[in-house]
Amino acid sequence: MTEPAMSVTINLKSRGRPIKRLPQSVDVNSKSTPSELTSQISSRTGLSIHRLRLTKASDGKVLEDLNIPSNETIYVKDLGPQIGWRTVFVFEYLGPILIHPLFFIPKLRTYIYPHLLASISSIPPNPKQRLLLYLILMHFLKRELETLFVHKFSSATMPWRNLPKNSAHYWILSGINLAWFLYHPLVISEGKYTFYTPSNTAILTLTALWVFAQLSNFLAHLTLSNLRLAGTTTRGIPRGYGFNWVTCPNYFFEVLGWLAVWALSGFNWAVGLFTLVSAGQMYLWAVKKEKRYRKEFGDKYKKKRAVLIPGLL
């Protein structure tokens, strides 16, 4: 026999900055969900549900259900103005797309490299540099399209104040820094910032490797997208191409693609730095995902020893 729903009184207090119009208490149905409580508080305060985080005063944990005694105190925190994750990613990837082509405008090159003689700074990029430009632009255009049409996000928003920090990796490290050293005139005249000049055979081989990595990365993203039903945060166990090798094959193929670009550039140090920083961050994310999969799916999930690089890391 189903237990009848009861009315529960919940006391509310602001955590941190006081929230205007936050009621001292609300009455909710014992069968209600935290999202329904959040919606009720949102309508009373005028703040978006995405700005509100509810935690229990008793243990400080995020409220996951309303199986709590009457007159329990719940802390309500205003997370500040929010921005959608889809918009965040679109803005992040836009940086390299806008920045890299600027280095191919002849009149701008003398201003971008003012420390060089005009006769040197005006040297146009060579065919290999143009190839690198096209590969990098196609990579980030692919990321934009995946953001718009493939990816599904477990969280709807993030605080606006985090946008500069999140974007710095793409606008500065893979944008300004990468482009400045990759298309530098002295790379053409002296081979500066590089360690070797790839042969035509190496260029074809590495370009083919890059194409393979991009297509494989896309397939991994499709697999992950199909695990999550639209409008929900419920996930399935990822299986199939790449997922039997490592926890996050999308990260593995991402790293593989950038290693191909690094080799094509003659092991340009700026490409190596971006690849190393990106791989390090993806490794940390992959470790967290492996732990989450083990906790969420238990014995149903086949544990992986390698989370990023098959048989190695």
C-alpha atoms as a PDB file:
ATOM      1  CA  MET A   1       0.000   0.000   0.000  1.00  0.00           C
ATOM      2  CA  THR A   2       1.357   3.390  -1.020  1.00  0.00           C
ATOM      3  CA  GLU A   3       1.963   5.788   1.823  1.00  0.00           C
ATOM      4  CA  PRO A   4      -0.065   9.017   1.520  1.00  0.00           C
ATOM      5  CA  ALA A   5       1.823  12.181   0.699  1.00  0.00           C
ATOM      6  CA  MET A   6       2.344  14.550   3.620  1.00  0.00           C
ATOM      7  CA  SER A   7       3.049  18.254   3.828  1.00  0.00           C
ATOM      8  CA  VAL A   8       6.582  19.063   4.965  1.00  0.00           C
ATOM      9  CA  THR A   9       7.733  22.471   6.172  1.00  0.00           C
ATOM     10  CA  ILE A  10      11.269  23.383   5.116  1.00  0.00           C
ATOM     11  CA  ASN A  11      13.144  26.309   6.615  1.00  0.00           C
ATOM     12  CA  LEU A  12      15.244  28.294   4.141  1.00  0.00           C
ATOM     13  CA  LYS A  13      18.383  30.334   4.775  1.00  0.00           C
ATOM     14  CA  SER A  14      20.718  32.121   2.377  1.00  0.00           C
ATOM     15  CA  ARG A  15      24.263  30.821   2.134  1.00  0.00           C
ATOM     16  CA  GLY A  16      26.688  33.617   1.425  1.00  0.00           C
ATOM     17  CA  ARG A  17      25.118  36.727  -0.075  1.00  0.00           C
ATOM     18  CA  PRO A  18      21.525  37.261   1.173  1.00  0.00           C
ATOM     19  CA  ILE A  19      18.861  36.428  -1.398  1.00  0.00           C
ATOM     20  CA  LYS A  20      16.110  39.006  -1.703  1.00  0.00           C
ATOM     21  CA  ARG A  21      12.550  37.735  -1.347  1.00  0.00           C
ATOM     22  CA  LEU A  22      13.746  34.335  -0.097  1.00  0.00           C
ATOM     23  CA  PRO A  23      10.927  33.076   2.149  1.00  0.00           C
ATOM     24  CA  GLN A  24      11.824  31.912   5.638  1.00  0.00           C
ATOM     25  CA  SER A  25      10.039  28.624   4.987  1.00  0.00           C
ATOM     26  CA  VAL A  26       8.028  26.766   2.366  1.00  0.00           C
ATOM     27  CA  ASP A  27       5.571  23.897   2.555  1.00  0.00           C
ATOM     28  CA  VAL A  28       6.137  21.073   0.094  1.00  0.00           C
ATOM     29  CA  ASN A  29       4.651  17.680  -0.597  1.00  0.00           C
ATOM     30  CA  SER A  30       6.751  14.854   0.829  1.00  0.00           C
ATOM     31  CA  LYS A  31       6.595  13.241  -2.626  1.00  0.00           C
ATOM     32  CA  SER A  32       8.044  16.334  -4.277  1.00  0.00           C
ATOM     33  CA  THR A  33      11.517  16.403  -5.812  1.00  0.00           C
ATOM     34  CA  PRO A  34      14.397  18.833  -5.185  1.00  0.00           C
ATOM     35  CA  SER A  35      13.854  20.256  -8.680  1.00  0.00           C
ATOM     36  CA  GLU A  36      10.244  21.074  -7.783  1.00  0.00           C
ATOM     37  CA  LEU A  37      11.422  22.763  -4.585  1.00  0.00           C
ATOM     38  CA  THR A  38      13.995  24.712  -6.579  1.00  0.00           C
ATOM     39  CA  SER A  39      11.301  25.816  -9.037  1.00  0.00           C
ATOM     40  CA  GLN A  40       9.138  26.999  -6.130  1.00  0.00           C
ATOM     41  CA  ILE A  41      12.006  29.016  -4.663  1.00  0.00           C
ATOM     42  CA  SER A  42      12.816  30.366  -8.128  1.00  0.00           C
ATOM     43  CA  SER A  43       9.272  31.656  -8.590  1.00  0.00           C
ATOM     44  CA  ARG A  44       9.355  33.332  -5.161  1.00  0.00           C
ATOM     45  CA  THR A  45      12.788  34.962  -5.580  1.00  0.00           C
ATOM     46  CA  GLY A  46      12.710  35.727  -9.301  1.00  0.00           C
ATOM     47  CA  LEU A  47      16.065  33.942  -9.793  1.00  0.00           C
ATOM     48  CA  SER A  48      16.635  31.314 -12.469  1.00  0.00           C
ATOM     49  CA  ILE A  49      16.622  27.724 -11.222  1.00  0.00           C
ATOM     50  CA  HIS A  50      20.139  27.398 -12.635  1.00  0.00           C
ATOM     51  CA  ARG A  51      21.403  30.061 -10.207  1.00  0.00           C
ATOM     52  CA  LEU A  52      20.184  28.182  -7.131  1.00  0.00           C
ATOM     53  CA  ARG A  53      22.008  25.435  -5.250  1.00  0.00           C
ATOM     54  CA  LEU A  54      20.311  23.734  -2.286  1.00  0.00           C
ATOM     55  CA  THR A  55      22.303  22.067   0.478  1.00  0.00           C
ATOM     56  CA  LYS A  56      21.298  20.501   3.788  1.00  0.00           C
ATOM     57  CA  ALA A  57      22.295  22.413   6.900  1.00  0.00           C
ATOM     58  CA  SER A  58      22.816  19.132   8.743  1.00  0.00           C
ATOM     59  CA  ASP A  59      25.709  17.847   6.624  1.00  0.00           C
ATOM     60  CA  GLY A  60      26.318  20.437   3.903  1.00  0.00           C
ATOM     61  CA  LYS A  61      25.539  17.944   1.113  1.00  0.00           C
ATOM     62  CA  VAL A  62      23.612  18.905  -2.008  1.00  0.00           C
ATOM     63  CA  LEU A  63      19.910  18.136  -1.624  1.00  0.00           C
ATOM     64  CA  GLU A  64      19.135  14.959  -3.600  1.00  0.00           C
ATOM     65  CA  ASP A  65      15.683  14.124  -2.244  1.00  0.00           C
ATOM     66  CA  LEU A  66      13.072  15.471   0.156  1.00  0.00           C
ATOM     67  CA  ASN A  67      13.201  12.528   2.523  1.00  0.00           C
ATOM     68  CA  ILE A  68      13.910  14.901   5.394  1.00  0.00           C
ATOM     69  CA  PRO A  69      12.091  15.722   8.618  1.00  0.00           C
ATOM     70  CA  SER A  70       9.744  18.671   8.861  1.00  0.00           C
ATOM     71  CA  ASN A  71      11.372  21.978   9.861  1.00  0.00           C
ATOM     72  CA  GLU A  72      14.705  20.858   8.399  1.00  0.00           C
ATOM     73  CA  THR A  73      16.859  23.821   7.372  1.00  0.00           C
ATOM     74  CA  ILE A  74      18.006  24.064   3.768  1.00  0.00           C
ATOM     75  CA  TYR A  75      20.669  26.529   2.638  1.00  0.00           C
ATOM     76  CA  VAL A  76      20.030  28.301  -0.653  1.00  0.00           C
ATOM     77  CA  LYS A  77      23.032  29.729  -2.489  1.00  0.00           C
ATOM     78  CA  ASP A  78      22.830  32.181  -5.380  1.00  0.00           C
ATOM     79  CA  LEU A  79      25.522  31.048  -7.837  1.00  0.00           C
ATOM     80  CA  GLY A  80      25.338  34.333  -9.728  1.00  0.00           C
ATOM     81  CA  PRO A  81      24.546  35.051 -13.388  1.00  0.00           C
ATOM     82  CA  GLN A  82      24.786  31.918 -15.523  1.00  0.00           C
ATOM     83  CA  ILE A  83      25.679  31.116 -19.114  1.00  0.00           C
ATOM     84  CA  GLY A  84      24.652  27.978 -21.003  1.00  0.00           C
ATOM     85  CA  TRP A  85      27.337  25.340 -21.520  1.00  0.00           C
ATOM     86  CA  ARG A  86      26.574  25.147 -25.236  1.00  0.00           C
ATOM     87  CA  THR A  87      27.223  28.880 -25.548  1.00  0.00           C
ATOM     88  CA  VAL A  88      30.428  28.493 -23.516  1.00  0.00           C
ATOM     89  CA  PHE A  89      31.849  25.890 -25.895  1.00  0.00           C
ATOM     90  CA  VAL A  90      30.815  27.827 -28.998  1.00  0.00           C
ATOM     91  CA  PHE A  91      32.610  30.910 -27.648  1.00  0.00           C
ATOM     92  CA  GLU A  92      35.720  28.953 -26.610  1.00  0.00           C
ATOM     93  CA  TYR A  93      36.220  27.297 -30.010  1.00  0.00           C
ATOM     94  CA  LEU A  94      35.526  30.567 -31.810  1.00  0.00           C
ATOM     95  CA  GLY A  95      38.860  31.968 -30.541  1.00  0.00           C
ATOM     96  CA  PRO A  96      41.235  29.917 -32.734  1.00  0.00           C
ATOM     97  CA  ILE A  97      38.846  30.185 -35.714  1.00  0.00           C
ATOM     98  CA  LEU A  98      39.047  33.985 -35.592  1.00  0.00           C
ATOM     99  CA  ILE A  99      42.691  34.338 -34.563  1.00  0.00           C
ATOM    100  CA  HIS A 100      44.601  31.953 -36.864  1.00  0.00           C
ATOM    101  CA  PRO A 101      43.497  33.448 -40.232  1.00  0.00           C
ATOM    102  CA  LEU A 102      44.704  36.909 -39.100  1.00  0.00           C
ATOM    103  CA  PHE A 103      48.298  35.662 -39.415  1.00  0.00           C
ATOM    104  CA  PHE A 104      47.752  35.098 -43.144  1.00  0.00           C
ATOM    105  CA  ILE A 105      46.746  38.692 -43.937  1.00  0.00           C
ATOM    106  CA  PRO A 106      49.897  40.255 -45.506  1.00  0.00           C
ATOM    107  CA  LYS A 107      49.371  43.774 -44.131  1.00  0.00           C
ATOM    108  CA  LEU A 108      48.882  42.444 -40.594  1.00  0.00           C
ATOM    109  CA  ARG A 109      52.043  40.338 -40.504  1.00  0.00           C
ATOM    110  CA  THR A 110      54.295  43.409 -40.175  1.00  0.00           C
ATOM    111  CA  TYR A 111      52.255  44.474 -37.119  1.00  0.00           C
ATOM    112  CA  ILE A 112      52.095  40.980 -35.637  1.00  0.00           C
ATOM    113  CA  TYR A 113      55.891  40.620 -35.890  1.00  0.00           C
ATOM    114  CA  PRO A 114      57.063  44.248 -35.379  1.00  0.00           C
ATOM    115  CA  HIS A 115      60.459  43.162 -34.002  1.00  0.00           C
ATOM    116  CA  LEU A 116      61.463  41.794 -37.425  1.00  0.00           C
ATOM    117  CA  LEU A 117      62.583  43.696 -40.492  1.00  0.00           C
ATOM    118  CA  ALA A 118      59.705  44.441 -42.836  1.00  0.00           C
ATOM    119  CA  SER A 119      61.365  42.357 -45.527  1.00  0.00           C
ATOM    120  CA  ILE A 120      61.233  39.349 -43.205  1.00  0.00           C
ATOM    121  CA  SER A 121      57.896  39.892 -41.440  1.00  0.00           C
ATOM    122  CA  SER A 122      56.173  40.275 -44.817  1.00  0.00           C
ATOM    123  CA  ILE A 123      57.296  36.815 -45.990  1.00  0.00           C
ATOM    124  CA  PRO A 124      54.065  34.977 -46.828  1.00  0.00           C
ATOM    125  CA  PRO A 125      53.293  31.657 -45.099  1.00  0.00           C
ATOM    126  CA  ASN A 126      54.528  28.585 -46.949  1.00  0.00           C
ATOM    127  CA  PRO A 127      52.331  25.666 -48.146  1.00  0.00           C
ATOM    128  CA  LYS A 128      53.010  23.603 -45.001  1.00  0.00           C
ATOM    129  CA  GLN A 129      51.871  26.485 -42.788  1.00  0.00           C
ATOM    130  CA  ARG A 130      48.726  26.814 -44.903  1.00  0.00           C
ATOM    131  CA  LEU A 131      48.080  23.098 -44.475  1.00  0.00           C
ATOM    132  CA  LEU A 132      48.422  23.474 -40.697  1.00  0.00           C
ATOM    133  CA  LEU A 133      46.011  26.413 -40.783  1.00  0.00           C
ATOM    134  CA  TYR A 134      43.416  24.364 -42.678  1.00  0.00           C
ATOM    135  CA  LEU A 135      43.753  21.384 -40.328  1.00  0.00           C
ATOM    136  CA  ILE A 136      43.421  23.542 -37.217  1.00  0.00           C
ATOM    137  CA  LEU A 137      40.427  25.454 -38.611  1.00  0.00           C
ATOM    138  CA  MET A 138      38.685  22.225 -39.655  1.00  0.00           C
ATOM    139  CA  HIS A 139      39.317  20.771 -36.199  1.00  0.00           C
ATOM    140  CA  PHE A 140      37.678  23.678 -34.386  1.00  0.00           C
ATOM    141  CA  LEU A 141      34.854  23.989 -36.932  1.00  0.00           C
ATOM    142  CA  LYS A 142      34.158  20.303 -36.272  1.00  0.00           C
ATOM    143  CA  ARG A 143      34.083  21.050 -32.549  1.00  0.00           C
ATOM    144  CA  GLU A 144      31.604  23.890 -33.144  1.00  0.00           C
ATOM    145  CA  LEU A 145      29.281  21.655 -35.177  1.00  0.00           C
ATOM    146  CA  GLU A 146      29.476  18.894 -32.572  1.00  0.00           C
ATOM    147  CA  THR A 147      28.629  21.408 -29.853  1.00  0.00           C
ATOM    148  CA  LEU A 148      25.570  22.582 -31.764  1.00  0.00           C
ATOM    149  CA  PHE A 149      24.256  19.246 -33.048  1.00  0.00           C
ATOM    150  CA  VAL A 150      25.866  16.303 -31.207  1.00  0.00           C
ATOM    151  CA  HIS A 151      26.825  17.028 -27.607  1.00  0.00           C
ATOM    152  CA  LYS A 152      24.374  16.713 -24.734  1.00  0.00           C
ATOM    153  CA  PHE A 153      25.256  18.368 -21.452  1.00  0.00           C
ATOM    154  CA  SER A 154      24.704  17.015 -17.946  1.00  0.00           C
ATOM    155  CA  SER A 155      24.703  20.571 -16.536  1.00  0.00           C
ATOM    156  CA  ALA A 156      22.744  23.353 -18.190  1.00  0.00           C
ATOM    157  CA  THR A 157      24.859  26.337 -17.160  1.00  0.00           C
ATOM    158  CA  MET A 158      27.995  27.633 -15.478  1.00  0.00           C
ATOM    159  CA  PRO A 159      28.695  30.996 -13.775  1.00  0.00           C
ATOM    160  CA  TRP A 160      29.490  33.858 -16.175  1.00  0.00           C
ATOM    161  CA  ARG A 161      32.561  34.746 -14.096  1.00  0.00           C
ATOM    162  CA  ASN A 162      34.248  31.479 -15.140  1.00  0.00           C
ATOM    163  CA  LEU A 163      34.075  32.275 -18.855  1.00  0.00           C
ATOM    164  CA  PRO A 164      37.449  34.136 -19.117  1.00  0.00           C
ATOM    165  CA  LYS A 165      39.256  31.319 -17.279  1.00  0.00           C
ATOM    166  CA  ASN A 166      37.648  28.616 -19.419  1.00  0.00           C
ATOM    167  CA  SER A 167      38.281  30.514 -22.656  1.00  0.00           C
ATOM    168  CA  ALA A 168      41.955  31.309 -21.987  1.00  0.00           C
ATOM    169  CA  HIS A 169      43.019  27.783 -22.981  1.00  0.00           C
ATOM    170  CA  TYR A 170      41.564  28.235 -26.471  1.00  0.00           C
ATOM    171  CA  TRP A 171      41.887  31.977 -27.132  1.00  0.00           C
ATOM    172  CA  ILE A 172      45.423  32.291 -25.730  1.00  0.00           C
ATOM    173  CA  LEU A 173      47.148  28.891 -25.725  1.00  0.00           C
ATOM    174  CA  SER A 174      45.691  27.443 -28.950  1.00  0.00           C
ATOM    175  CA  GLY A 175      44.885  30.858 -30.391  1.00  0.00           C
ATOM    176  CA  ILE A 176      47.455  33.629 -30.032  1.00  0.00           C
ATOM    177  CA  ASN A 177      50.394  31.592 -28.716  1.00  0.00           C
ATOM    178  CA  LEU A 178      50.002  28.699 -31.141  1.00  0.00           C
ATOM    179  CA  ALA A 179      49.454  30.891 -34.203  1.00  0.00           C
ATOM    180  CA  TRP A 180      52.302  33.327 -33.404  1.00  0.00           C
ATOM    181  CA  PHE A 181      54.946  30.592 -33.332  1.00  0.00           C
ATOM    182  CA  LEU A 182      53.381  28.295 -35.927  1.00  0.00           C
ATOM    183  CA  TYR A 183      53.200  30.894 -38.712  1.00  0.00           C
ATOM    184  CA  HIS A 184      56.319  32.850 -37.711  1.00  0.00           C
ATOM    185  CA  PRO A 185      58.351  34.164 -40.700  1.00  0.00           C
ATOM    186  CA  LEU A 186      61.582  32.761 -39.228  1.00  0.00           C
ATOM    187  CA  VAL A 187      60.062  29.269 -39.408  1.00  0.00           C
ATOM    188  CA  ILE A 188      60.180  29.771 -43.175  1.00  0.00           C
ATOM    189  CA  SER A 189      63.579  31.449 -43.502  1.00  0.00           C
ATOM    190  CA  GLU A 190      65.521  29.705 -40.722  1.00  0.00           C
ATOM    191  CA  GLY A 191      63.387  26.803 -39.496  1.00  0.00           C
ATOM    192  CA  LYS A 192      63.187  28.484 -36.089  1.00  0.00           C
ATOM    193  CA  TYR A 193      60.990  26.976 -33.315  1.00  0.00           C
ATOM    194  CA  THR A 194      61.048  23.596 -35.126  1.00  0.00           C
ATOM    195  CA  PHE A 195      63.314  20.533 -34.979  1.00  0.00           C
ATOM    196  CA  TYR A 196      62.960  19.012 -38.436  1.00  0.00           C
ATOM    197  CA  THR A 197      61.322  19.460 -41.831  1.00  0.00           C
ATOM    198  CA  PRO A 198      58.858  16.666 -42.683  1.00  0.00           C
ATOM    199  CA  SER A 199      59.198  15.070 -46.099  1.00  0.00           C
ATOM    200  CA  ASN A 200      56.326  14.935 -48.589  1.00  0.00           C
ATOM    201  CA  THR A 201      55.707  11.312 -47.609  1.00  0.00           C
ATOM    202  CA  ALA A 202      55.624  12.264 -43.923  1.00  0.00           C
ATOM    203  CA  ILE A 203      53.196  15.115 -44.669  1.00  0.00           C
ATOM    204  CA  LEU A 204      50.803  12.763 -46.482  1.00  0.00           C
ATOM    205  CA  THR A 205      51.078  10.110 -43.759  1.00  0.00           C
ATOM    206  CA  LEU A 206      50.548  12.555 -40.898  1.00  0.00           C
ATOM    207  CA  THR A 207      47.631  14.236 -42.662  1.00  0.00           C
ATOM    208  CA  ALA A 208      46.000  10.827 -43.118  1.00  0.00           C
ATOM    209  CA  LEU A 209      46.583  10.122 -39.414  1.00  0.00           C
ATOM    210  CA  TRP A 210      44.953  13.461 -38.559  1.00  0.00           C
ATOM    211  CA  VAL A 211      41.883  12.601 -40.681  1.00  0.00           C
ATOM    212  CA  PHE A 212      41.631   9.185 -39.000  1.00  0.00           C
ATOM    213  CA  ALA A 213      41.841  10.795 -35.544  1.00  0.00           C
ATOM    214  CA  GLN A 214      39.141  13.375 -36.338  1.00  0.00           C
ATOM    215  CA  LEU A 215      36.717  10.800 -37.739  1.00  0.00           C
ATOM    216  CA  SER A 216      37.346   8.445 -34.808  1.00  0.00           C
ATOM    217  CA  ASN A 217      36.859  11.291 -32.325  1.00  0.00           C
ATOM    218  CA  PHE A 218      33.555  12.142 -34.009  1.00  0.00           C
ATOM    219  CA  LEU A 219      32.371   8.513 -33.792  1.00  0.00           C
ATOM    220  CA  ALA A 220      33.224   8.427 -30.083  1.00  0.00           C
ATOM    221  CA  HIS A 221      31.240  11.630 -29.540  1.00  0.00           C
ATOM    222  CA  LEU A 222      28.266  10.125 -31.380  1.00  0.00           C
ATOM    223  CA  THR A 223      28.411   7.076 -29.106  1.00  0.00           C
ATOM    224  CA  LEU A 224      28.420   9.247 -25.999  1.00  0.00           C
ATOM    225  CA  SER A 225      25.599  11.422 -27.319  1.00  0.00           C
ATOM    226  CA  ASN A 226      23.397   8.409 -28.029  1.00  0.00           C
ATOM    227  CA  LEU A 227      23.831   7.199 -24.432  1.00  0.00           C
ATOM    228  CA  ARG A 228      21.927  10.163 -23.056  1.00  0.00           C
ATOM    229  CA  LEU A 229      18.223  10.617 -23.800  1.00  0.00           C
ATOM    230  CA  ALA A 230      17.252  14.137 -24.822  1.00  0.00           C
ATOM    231  CA  GLY A 231      16.079  16.221 -21.883  1.00  0.00           C
ATOM    232  CA  THR A 232      17.537  13.840 -19.287  1.00  0.00           C
ATOM    233  CA  THR A 233      20.807  13.348 -17.435  1.00  0.00           C
ATOM    234  CA  THR A 234      20.492   9.535 -17.440  1.00  0.00           C
ATOM    235  CA  ARG A 235      23.498   7.783 -18.963  1.00  0.00           C
ATOM    236  CA  GLY A 236      24.188   4.294 -20.262  1.00  0.00           C
ATOM    237  CA  ILE A 237      27.475   2.393 -20.298  1.00  0.00           C
ATOM    238  CA  PRO A 238      29.611   3.473 -23.283  1.00  0.00           C
ATOM    239  CA  ARG A 239      30.548   0.552 -25.515  1.00  0.00           C
ATOM    240  CA  GLY A 240      31.832   0.011 -29.021  1.00  0.00           C
ATOM    241  CA  TYR A 241      34.626   1.469 -31.135  1.00  0.00           C
ATOM    242  CA  GLY A 242      37.433   2.692 -28.894  1.00  0.00           C
ATOM    243  CA  PHE A 243      35.577   2.203 -25.622  1.00  0.00           C
ATOM    244  CA  ASN A 244      36.981  -1.304 -25.196  1.00  0.00           C
ATOM    245  CA  TRP A 245      40.505   0.142 -25.265  1.00  0.00           C
ATOM    246  CA  VAL A 246      40.258   3.090 -22.862  1.00  0.00           C
ATOM    247  CA  THR A 247      37.724   4.908 -20.715  1.00  0.00           C
ATOM    248  CA  CYS A 248      37.650   7.978 -22.961  1.00  0.00           C
ATOM    249  CA  PRO A 249      38.568   7.181 -26.591  1.00  0.00           C
ATOM    250  CA  ASN A 250      37.323  10.633 -27.616  1.00  0.00           C
ATOM    251  CA  TYR A 251      40.190  12.101 -25.589  1.00  0.00           C
ATOM    252  CA  PHE A 252      42.652   9.550 -27.007  1.00  0.00           C
ATOM    253  CA  PHE A 253      41.761  10.455 -30.600  1.00  0.00           C
ATOM    254  CA  GLU A 254      41.899  14.154 -29.702  1.00  0.00           C
ATOM    255  CA  VAL A 255      45.460  13.736 -28.452  1.00  0.00           C
ATOM    256  CA  LEU A 256      46.350  11.623 -31.498  1.00  0.00           C
ATOM    257  CA  GLY A 257      45.131  14.361 -33.840  1.00  0.00           C
ATOM    258  CA  TRP A 258      47.219  17.012 -32.094  1.00  0.00           C
ATOM    259  CA  LEU A 259      50.286  14.751 -32.101  1.00  0.00           C
ATOM    260  CA  ALA A 260      49.889  14.564 -35.892  1.00  0.00           C
ATOM    261  CA  VAL A 261      49.748  18.373 -36.067  1.00  0.00           C
ATOM    262  CA  TRP A 262      52.796  18.601 -33.795  1.00  0.00           C
ATOM    263  CA  ALA A 263      54.792  16.288 -36.066  1.00  0.00           C
ATOM    264  CA  LEU A 264      53.597  18.142 -39.184  1.00  0.00           C
ATOM    265  CA  SER A 265      54.807  21.411 -37.660  1.00  0.00           C
ATOM    266  CA  GLY A 266      58.324  19.997 -37.278  1.00  0.00           C
ATOM    267  CA  PHE A 267      57.708  19.519 -33.540  1.00  0.00           C
ATOM    268  CA  ASN A 268      57.083  23.223 -33.038  1.00  0.00           C
ATOM    269  CA  TRP A 269      57.345  23.860 -29.294  1.00  0.00           C
ATOM    270  CA  ALA A 270      54.076  25.859 -29.136  1.00  0.00           C
ATOM    271  CA  VAL A 271      52.093  22.941 -30.593  1.00  0.00           C
ATOM    272  CA  GLY A 272      53.862  20.591 -28.196  1.00  0.00           C
ATOM    273  CA  LEU A 273      52.966  22.789 -25.227  1.00  0.00           C
ATOM    274  CA  PHE A 274      49.298  22.984 -26.201  1.00  0.00           C
ATOM    275  CA  THR A 275      49.177  19.209 -26.784  1.00  0.00           C
ATOM    276  CA  LEU A 276      50.844  18.488 -23.424  1.00  0.00           C
ATOM    277  CA  VAL A 277      48.551  20.812 -21.444  1.00  0.00           C
ATOM    278  CA  SER A 278      45.452  19.477 -23.220  1.00  0.00           C
ATOM    279  CA  ALA A 279      46.476  15.838 -22.721  1.00  0.00           C
ATOM    280  CA  GLY A 280      47.171  16.458 -19.031  1.00  0.00           C
ATOM    281  CA  GLN A 281      43.727  17.974 -18.510  1.00  0.00           C
ATOM    282  CA  MET A 282      42.022  15.203 -20.475  1.00  0.00           C
ATOM    283  CA  TYR A 283      43.852  12.578 -18.420  1.00  0.00           C
ATOM    284  CA  LEU A 284      42.472  14.102 -15.198  1.00  0.00           C
ATOM    285  CA  TRP A 285      38.964  14.160 -16.689  1.00  0.00           C
ATOM    286  CA  ALA A 286      39.334  10.550 -17.851  1.00  0.00           C
ATOM    287  CA  VAL A 287      40.386   9.387 -14.374  1.00  0.00           C
ATOM    288  CA  LYS A 288      37.288  11.053 -12.904  1.00  0.00           C
ATOM    289  CA  LYS A 289      35.054   9.446 -15.529  1.00  0.00           C
ATOM    290  CA  GLU A 290      36.486   5.992 -14.835  1.00  0.00           C
ATOM    291  CA  LYS A 291      35.780   6.438 -11.107  1.00  0.00           C
ATOM    292  CA  ARG A 292      32.277   7.684 -11.853  1.00  0.00           C
ATOM    293  CA  TYR A 293      31.510   4.770 -14.188  1.00  0.00           C
ATOM    294  CA  ARG A 294      32.677   2.247 -11.551  1.00  0.00           C
ATOM    295  CA  LYS A 295      30.549   3.898  -8.875  1.00  0.00           C
ATOM    296  CA  GLU A 296      27.483   4.418 -11.055  1.00  0.00           C
ATOM    297  CA  PHE A 297      27.344   1.071 -12.882  1.00  0.00           C
ATOM    298  CA  GLY A 298      29.079  -1.273 -10.420  1.00  0.00           C
ATOM    299  CA  ASP A 299      29.676  -4.818 -11.675  1.00  0.00           C
ATOM    300  CA  LYS A 300      27.918  -4.036 -14.962  1.00  0.00           C
ATOM    301  CA  TYR A 301      30.862  -1.879 -15.984  1.00  0.00           C
ATOM    302  CA  LYS A 302      34.081  -3.492 -17.236  1.00  0.00           C
ATOM    303  CA  LYS A 303      36.901  -1.707 -15.418  1.00  0.00           C
ATOM    304  CA  LYS A 304      39.637  -0.145 -17.534  1.00  0.00           C
ATOM    305  CA  ARG A 305      43.293  -0.025 -16.606  1.00  0.00           C
ATOM    306  CA  ALA A 306      44.050   2.635 -19.227  1.00  0.00           C
ATOM    307  CA  VAL A 307      41.844   5.716 -19.242  1.00  0.00           C
ATOM    308  CA  LEU A 308      43.463   7.793 -22.010  1.00  0.00           C
ATOM    309  CA  ILE A 309      46.144   5.921 -24.017  1.00  0.00           C
ATOM    310  CA  PRO A 310      45.657   2.185 -24.706  1.00  0.00           C
ATOM    311  CA  GLY A 311      48.020   0.001 -22.686  1.00  0.00           C
ATOM    312  CA  LEU A 312      49.888   2.994 -21.298  1.00  0.00           C
ATOM    313  CA  LEU A 313      47.988   5.671 -19.406  1.00  0.00           C
END
